[in-house]
Amino acid sequence: MYDICDTVRGVAERAISLRLDEDAARALQFLMRNGESRSQAIRAALIGEARRRKLEIAAADAARVAADPKDRREIAEVQALMEDLRGEG
């Protein structure tokens, strides 16, 4: 008679299960030490790890650009252009 509610339609199943080794179990206990639930601790750990990896990638990209004379020259040109534009405004 009724279709699935629009607010629920398209929501993928997001529950996961995993087996923890001893190191992971200790890490989870540590993350839960302030009263967080397992789900909260795992979500925070996933988000934190994703942020750490993004920063790691950004740092590697910055190091690559800094080591490339062509990229450094292009950056200097863009900076000079921005300074010129700032002076005109």
C-alpha atoms as a PDB file:
ATOM      1  CA  MET A   1       0.000   0.000   0.000  1.00  0.00           C
ATOM      2  CA  TYR A   2       2.745   2.474   0.946  1.00  0.00           C
ATOM      3  CA  ASP A   3       6.148   2.900  -0.671  1.00  0.00           C
ATOM      4  CA  ILE A   4       9.333   3.155   1.315  1.00  0.00           C
ATOM      5  CA  CYS A   5       9.575   6.514   3.066  1.00  0.00           C
ATOM      6  CA  ASP A   6      11.602   9.057   1.061  1.00  0.00           C
ATOM      7  CA  THR A   7      13.888   9.724   4.007  1.00  0.00           C
ATOM      8  CA  VAL A   8      14.980   6.081   4.012  1.00  0.00           C
ATOM      9  CA  ARG A   9      15.129   5.399   0.280  1.00  0.00           C
ATOM     10  CA  GLY A  10      18.654   5.113  -1.080  1.00  0.00           C
ATOM     11  CA  VAL A  11      20.358   4.703   2.278  1.00  0.00           C
ATOM     12  CA  ALA A  12      22.887   1.913   1.926  1.00  0.00           C
ATOM     13  CA  GLU A  13      23.492  -0.574   4.689  1.00  0.00           C
ATOM     14  CA  ARG A  14      26.378   0.821   6.697  1.00  0.00           C
ATOM     15  CA  ALA A  15      26.729  -1.690   9.499  1.00  0.00           C
ATOM     16  CA  ILE A  16      29.950  -3.662   9.374  1.00  0.00           C
ATOM     17  CA  SER A  17      31.465  -6.445  11.383  1.00  0.00           C
ATOM     18  CA  LEU A  18      35.113  -7.196  11.921  1.00  0.00           C
ATOM     19  CA  ARG A  19      37.374  -9.468  13.889  1.00  0.00           C
ATOM     20  CA  LEU A  20      39.845  -7.738  16.159  1.00  0.00           C
ATOM     21  CA  ASP A  21      43.271  -9.136  16.882  1.00  0.00           C
ATOM     22  CA  GLU A  22      44.800  -8.457  20.297  1.00  0.00           C
ATOM     23  CA  ASP A  23      46.441  -5.175  19.220  1.00  0.00           C
ATOM     24  CA  ALA A  24      43.215  -3.871  17.706  1.00  0.00           C
ATOM     25  CA  ALA A  25      41.198  -4.938  20.763  1.00  0.00           C
ATOM     26  CA  ARG A  26      43.618  -3.076  23.061  1.00  0.00           C
ATOM     27  CA  ALA A  27      43.480  -0.025  20.799  1.00  0.00           C
ATOM     28  CA  LEU A  28      39.680  -0.068  20.872  1.00  0.00           C
ATOM     29  CA  GLN A  29      39.667  -0.350  24.671  1.00  0.00           C
ATOM     30  CA  PHE A  30      42.019   2.630  24.793  1.00  0.00           C
ATOM     31  CA  LEU A  31      39.760   4.670  22.510  1.00  0.00           C
ATOM     32  CA  MET A  32      36.743   3.818  24.679  1.00  0.00           C
ATOM     33  CA  ARG A  33      38.449   4.882  27.916  1.00  0.00           C
ATOM     34  CA  ASN A  34      36.487   8.153  28.135  1.00  0.00           C
ATOM     35  CA  GLY A  35      33.106   6.462  27.965  1.00  0.00           C
ATOM     36  CA  GLU A  36      32.643   6.379  24.213  1.00  0.00           C
ATOM     37  CA  SER A  37      30.723   3.448  22.794  1.00  0.00           C
ATOM     38  CA  ARG A  38      32.433   1.003  20.476  1.00  0.00           C
ATOM     39  CA  SER A  39      30.637   2.555  17.519  1.00  0.00           C
ATOM     40  CA  GLN A  40      31.673   6.079  18.493  1.00  0.00           C
ATOM     41  CA  ALA A  41      35.296   5.030  19.036  1.00  0.00           C
ATOM     42  CA  ILE A  42      35.458   3.153  15.732  1.00  0.00           C
ATOM     43  CA  ARG A  43      33.851   6.027  13.805  1.00  0.00           C
ATOM     44  CA  ALA A  44      36.279   8.519  15.367  1.00  0.00           C
ATOM     45  CA  ALA A  45      39.231   6.237  14.576  1.00  0.00           C
ATOM     46  CA  LEU A  46      38.156   5.838  10.939  1.00  0.00           C
ATOM     47  CA  ILE A  47      37.679   9.571  10.484  1.00  0.00           C
ATOM     48  CA  GLY A  48      40.954  10.330  12.242  1.00  0.00           C
ATOM     49  CA  GLU A  49      42.879   7.845  10.125  1.00  0.00           C
ATOM     50  CA  ALA A  50      41.335   9.196   6.920  1.00  0.00           C
ATOM     51  CA  ARG A  51      42.362  12.741   7.923  1.00  0.00           C
ATOM     52  CA  ARG A  52      45.883  11.560   8.771  1.00  0.00           C
ATOM     53  CA  ARG A  53      46.236   9.869   5.394  1.00  0.00           C
ATOM     54  CA  LYS A  54      44.917  12.932   3.539  1.00  0.00           C
ATOM     55  CA  LEU A  55      47.474  15.105   5.340  1.00  0.00           C
ATOM     56  CA  GLU A  56      50.182  12.568   4.519  1.00  0.00           C
ATOM     57  CA  ILE A  57      49.238  12.704   0.842  1.00  0.00           C
ATOM     58  CA  ALA A  58      49.128  16.518   0.890  1.00  0.00           C
ATOM     59  CA  ALA A  59      52.560  16.655   2.546  1.00  0.00           C
ATOM     60  CA  ALA A  60      53.993  14.297  -0.075  1.00  0.00           C
ATOM     61  CA  ASP A  61      52.470  16.430  -2.848  1.00  0.00           C
ATOM     62  CA  ALA A  62      53.910  19.596  -1.300  1.00  0.00           C
ATOM     63  CA  ALA A  63      57.349  17.985  -1.032  1.00  0.00           C
ATOM     64  CA  ARG A  64      57.148  16.855  -4.657  1.00  0.00           C
ATOM     65  CA  VAL A  65      56.191  20.346  -5.819  1.00  0.00           C
ATOM     66  CA  ALA A  66      58.891  21.955  -3.668  1.00  0.00           C
ATOM     67  CA  ALA A  67      61.508  19.654  -5.199  1.00  0.00           C
ATOM     68  CA  ASP A  68      60.489  20.427  -8.792  1.00  0.00           C
ATOM     69  CA  PRO A  69      62.095  23.617 -10.185  1.00  0.00           C
ATOM     70  CA  LYS A  70      59.401  23.920 -12.874  1.00  0.00           C
ATOM     71  CA  ASP A  71      56.621  23.783 -10.253  1.00  0.00           C
ATOM     72  CA  ARG A  72      58.450  26.290  -8.030  1.00  0.00           C
ATOM     73  CA  ARG A  73      58.847  28.664 -10.988  1.00  0.00           C
ATOM     74  CA  GLU A  74      55.129  28.354 -11.796  1.00  0.00           C
ATOM     75  CA  ILE A  75      54.204  29.037  -8.164  1.00  0.00           C
ATOM     76  CA  ALA A  76      56.435  32.135  -8.156  1.00  0.00           C
ATOM     77  CA  GLU A  77      54.732  33.362 -11.336  1.00  0.00           C
ATOM     78  CA  VAL A  78      51.275  32.895  -9.845  1.00  0.00           C
ATOM     79  CA  GLN A  79      52.332  34.641  -6.637  1.00  0.00           C
ATOM     80  CA  ALA A  80      53.709  37.569  -8.624  1.00  0.00           C
ATOM     81  CA  LEU A  81      50.476  37.781 -10.605  1.00  0.00           C
ATOM     82  CA  MET A  82      48.438  37.769  -7.399  1.00  0.00           C
ATOM     83  CA  GLU A  83      50.608  40.555  -5.971  1.00  0.00           C
ATOM     84  CA  ASP A  84      50.136  42.589  -9.150  1.00  0.00           C
ATOM     85  CA  LEU A  85      46.384  42.093  -8.995  1.00  0.00           C
ATOM     86  CA  ARG A  86      46.329  43.067  -5.336  1.00  0.00           C
ATOM     87  CA  GLY A  87      48.189  46.310  -6.161  1.00  0.00           C
ATOM     88  CA  GLU A  88      45.664  47.196  -8.858  1.00  0.00           C
ATOM     89  CA  GLY A  89      42.611  46.738  -6.637  1.00  0.00           C
END
